[in-house]
C-alpha atoms as a PDB file:
ATOM      1  CA  MET A   1      -3.632  23.201   1.903  1.00  0.00           C
ATOM      2  CA  PRO A   2      -1.238  22.996   4.606  1.00  0.00           C
ATOM      3  CA  GLY A   3      -0.212  19.560   5.696  1.00  0.00           C
ATOM      4  CA  ALA A   4       2.062  16.423   3.729  1.00  0.00           C
ATOM      5  CA  LEU A   5       1.185  15.681   0.478  1.00  0.00           C
ATOM      6  CA  ASP A   6      -0.617  12.796  -0.346  1.00  0.00           C
ATOM      7  CA  HIS A   7       1.926  10.663  -1.713  1.00  0.00           C
ATOM      8  CA  PHE A   8       4.346  11.750   0.831  1.00  0.00           C
ATOM      9  CA  VAL A   9       2.513  10.295   3.554  1.00  0.00           C
ATOM     10  CA  LEU A  10       1.671   6.777   1.569  1.00  0.00           C
ATOM     11  CA  ARG A  11       5.147   6.014   1.085  1.00  0.00           C
ATOM     12  CA  LEU A  12       5.923   7.258   4.702  1.00  0.00           C
ATOM     13  CA  PHE A  13       3.415   4.437   6.029  1.00  0.00           C
ATOM     14  CA  ILE A  14       4.494   2.023   3.595  1.00  0.00           C
ATOM     15  CA  LEU A  15       8.454   2.719   4.058  1.00  0.00           C
ATOM     16  CA  GLU A  16       7.491   2.050   7.858  1.00  0.00           C
ATOM     17  CA  ALA A  17       5.578  -1.087   7.559  1.00  0.00           C
ATOM     18  CA  GLY A  18       8.137  -2.635   5.325  1.00  0.00           C
ATOM     19  CA  MET A  19      10.637  -1.738   7.524  1.00  0.00           C
ATOM     20  CA  GLN A  20       8.574  -3.538  10.412  1.00  0.00           C
ATOM     21  CA  GLY A  21       7.961  -6.170   8.483  1.00  0.00           C
ATOM     22  CA  LEU A  22      11.674  -7.088   7.449  1.00  0.00           C
ATOM     23  CA  ALA A  23      12.536  -6.735  11.210  1.00  0.00           C
ATOM     24  CA  GLY A  24      10.098  -8.874  12.497  1.00  0.00           C
ATOM     25  CA  SER A  25      10.049 -11.351   9.859  1.00  0.00           C
ATOM     26  CA  ALA A  26      13.611 -11.838   9.879  1.00  0.00           C
ATOM     27  CA  ALA A  27      13.716 -12.075  13.622  1.00  0.00           C
ATOM     28  CA  GLY A  28      10.616 -14.521  13.328  1.00  0.00           C
ATOM     29  CA  SER A  29      12.079 -16.692  10.802  1.00  0.00           C
ATOM     30  CA  LEU A  30      15.884 -16.927  12.040  1.00  0.00           C
ATOM     31  CA  ALA A  31      13.942 -17.980  15.639  1.00  0.00           C
ATOM     32  CA  GLY A  32      11.677 -20.197  13.905  1.00  0.00           C
ATOM     33  CA  ALA A  33      14.481 -22.060  11.819  1.00  0.00           C
ATOM     34  CA  ALA A  34      16.528 -22.235  15.446  1.00  0.00           C
ATOM     35  CA  LEU A  35      13.976 -23.942  17.394  1.00  0.00           C
ATOM     36  CA  ALA A  36      13.094 -26.321  14.526  1.00  0.00           C
ATOM     37  CA  LEU A  37      16.877 -27.303  14.164  1.00  0.00           C
ATOM     38  CA  ALA A  38      17.158 -27.557  18.137  1.00  0.00           C
ATOM     39  CA  GLY A  39      13.799 -29.887  17.861  1.00  0.00           C
ATOM     40  CA  GLY A  40      15.383 -31.879  15.396  1.00  0.00           C
ATOM     41  CA  VAL A  41      18.323 -32.295  17.585  1.00  0.00           C
ATOM     42  CA  ILE A  42      16.287 -33.072  20.882  1.00  0.00           C
ATOM     43  CA  ARG A  43      14.189 -35.438  18.594  1.00  0.00           C
ATOM     44  CA  TYR A  44      16.643 -37.090  16.403  1.00  0.00           C
ATOM     45  CA  GLY A  45      20.117 -36.189  17.848  1.00  0.00           C
ATOM     46  CA  THR A  46      22.944 -34.531  15.943  1.00  0.00           C
ATOM     47  CA  THR A  47      22.304 -36.221  12.756  1.00  0.00           C
ATOM     48  CA  ALA A  48      19.689 -34.725  12.278  1.00  0.00           C
ATOM     49  CA  VAL A  49      21.453 -30.546  12.039  1.00  0.00           C
ATOM     50  CA  SER A  50      24.352 -32.505  10.064  1.00  0.00           C
ATOM     51  CA  GLN A  51      21.677 -33.729   7.516  1.00  0.00           C
ATOM     52  CA  ALA A  52      20.333 -30.464   7.057  1.00  0.00           C
ATOM     53  CA  ALA A  53      21.221 -29.020   3.617  1.00  0.00           C
ATOM     54  CA  ALA A  54      22.097 -25.018   4.303  1.00  0.00           C
ATOM     55  CA  GLY A  55      20.880 -24.119   1.042  1.00  0.00           C
ATOM     56  CA  ASP A  56      17.435 -25.250   2.075  1.00  0.00           C
ATOM     57  CA  VAL A  57      17.424 -23.350   5.375  1.00  0.00           C
ATOM     58  CA  ALA A  58      18.784 -20.285   4.169  1.00  0.00           C
ATOM     59  CA  ALA A  59      16.169 -20.565   1.287  1.00  0.00           C
ATOM     60  CA  SER A  60      13.066 -21.328   3.929  1.00  0.00           C
ATOM     61  CA  ILE A  61      14.237 -18.326   6.035  1.00  0.00           C
ATOM     62  CA  GLY A  62      14.319 -16.352   2.832  1.00  0.00           C
ATOM     63  CA  LEU A  63      10.711 -17.534   1.795  1.00  0.00           C
ATOM     64  CA  SER A  64       9.098 -16.730   4.741  1.00  0.00           C
ATOM     65  CA  THR A  65      10.886 -13.346   5.502  1.00  0.00           C
ATOM     66  CA  ALA A  66       9.476 -12.327   2.002  1.00  0.00           C
ATOM     67  CA  ILE A  67       5.840 -13.225   3.038  1.00  0.00           C
ATOM     68  CA  GLY A  68       6.146 -11.634   6.539  1.00  0.00           C
ATOM     69  CA  ILE A  69       7.192  -8.423   4.678  1.00  0.00           C
ATOM     70  CA  GLY A  70       4.518  -8.949   1.509  1.00  0.00           C
ATOM     71  CA  LEU A  71       1.742  -9.356   4.552  1.00  0.00           C
ATOM     72  CA  SER A  72       2.940  -6.681   6.352  1.00  0.00           C
ATOM     73  CA  LEU A  73       2.855  -4.307   3.078  1.00  0.00           C
ATOM     74  CA  LEU A  74      -0.716  -5.810   2.672  1.00  0.00           C
ATOM     75  CA  GLY A  75      -2.019  -5.070   5.831  1.00  0.00           C
ATOM     76  CA  VAL A  76      -0.836  -1.498   5.629  1.00  0.00           C
ATOM     77  CA  SER A  77      -2.477  -0.293   1.878  1.00  0.00           C
ATOM     78  CA  TYR A  78      -5.648   0.623   2.674  1.00  0.00           C
ATOM     79  CA  PRO A  79      -4.948   2.379   6.041  1.00  0.00           C
ATOM     80  CA  ALA A  80      -2.467   4.300   4.275  1.00  0.00           C
ATOM     81  CA  LEU A  81      -4.519   4.887   1.703  1.00  0.00           C
ATOM     82  CA  VAL A  82      -6.968   6.673   4.190  1.00  0.00           C
ATOM     83  CA  ALA A  83      -4.197   8.212   6.299  1.00  0.00           C
ATOM     84  CA  ALA A  84      -3.257   9.678   3.024  1.00  0.00           C
ATOM     85  CA  ARG A  85      -6.533  11.322   1.874  1.00  0.00           C
ATOM     86  CA  MET A  86      -7.252  12.416   5.316  1.00  0.00           C
ATOM     87  CA  GLN A  87      -7.136  16.028   6.059  1.00  0.00           C
ATOM     88  CA  PRO A  88      -5.168  17.134   8.980  1.00  0.00           C
ATOM     89  CA  VAL A  89      -7.665  18.269  10.864  1.00  0.00           C
ATOM     90  CA  GLU A  90      -9.540  15.230  10.760  1.00  0.00           C
ATOM     91  CA  ALA A  91      -6.275  13.209  11.563  1.00  0.00           C
ATOM     92  CA  MET A  92      -5.837  15.254  14.705  1.00  0.00           C
ATOM     93  CA  ARG A  93      -9.442  14.489  15.884  1.00  0.00           C
ATOM     94  CA  TRP A  94      -8.772  10.854  15.665  1.00  0.00           C
ATOM     95  CA  SER A  95      -5.563  10.719  17.074  1.00  0.00           C
ATOM     96  CA  ASN A  96      -7.607  11.684  20.438  1.00  0.00           C
ATOM     97  CA  LYS A  97     -10.716   9.280  20.167  1.00  0.00           C
ATOM     98  CA  TRP A  98     -11.112   6.236  22.475  1.00  0.00           C
ATOM     99  CA  VAL A  99     -10.454   2.809  20.810  1.00  0.00           C
ATOM    100  CA  TYR A 100     -12.161  -0.367  20.311  1.00  0.00           C
ATOM    101  CA  GLY A 101     -14.837   0.628  23.060  1.00  0.00           C
ATOM    102  CA  TYR A 102     -12.517   0.232  26.013  1.00  0.00           C
ATOM    103  CA  PRO A 103     -12.583   3.117  28.262  1.00  0.00           C
ATOM    104  CA  GLY A 104      -9.527   2.429  29.936  1.00  0.00           C
ATOM    105  CA  LEU A 105      -7.396   2.014  26.752  1.00  0.00           C
ATOM    106  CA  GLN A 106      -6.730   5.345  25.102  1.00  0.00           C
ATOM    107  CA  LEU A 107      -4.020   5.697  22.398  1.00  0.00           C
ATOM    108  CA  LEU A 108      -2.472   9.011  21.936  1.00  0.00           C
ATOM    109  CA  PHE A 109      -0.399   9.212  18.826  1.00  0.00           C
ATOM    110  CA  SER A 110       2.606  11.214  19.522  1.00  0.00           C
ATOM    111  CA  GLY A 111       5.068  11.636  16.507  1.00  0.00           C
ATOM    112  CA  ARG A 112       6.431   8.119  16.270  1.00  0.00           C
ATOM    113  CA  HIS A 113       5.672   6.902  19.776  1.00  0.00           C
ATOM    114  CA  LEU A 114       2.939   5.294  21.000  1.00  0.00           C
ATOM    115  CA  ILE A 115       1.959   6.326  24.495  1.00  0.00           C
ATOM    116  CA  ILE A 116      -0.786   3.997  26.153  1.00  0.00           C
END
């Protein structure tokens, strides 16, 4: 049967979701920590930043990044399994369908790019 092997497609989806989860959650947790520290400075003055333990801030950033990656992998697991088991002809048929019933929004998947 032509096409990619099931486990290759599954690994591809998992790897992409993991990398996007890492990038998004790392950026979000760094921005959240910066905004939290800025809010502490605005509310309590510079003592809030000087009293913040660097280890606690780093642990919070690490934990939120790990949770973001985990949620990203959890969210892609079922669609990845469906895509891995799908026949190539069926995948091509579904790539040109209307999505969510909005006639003005058609998603065409062209390789890795999303064209709206």
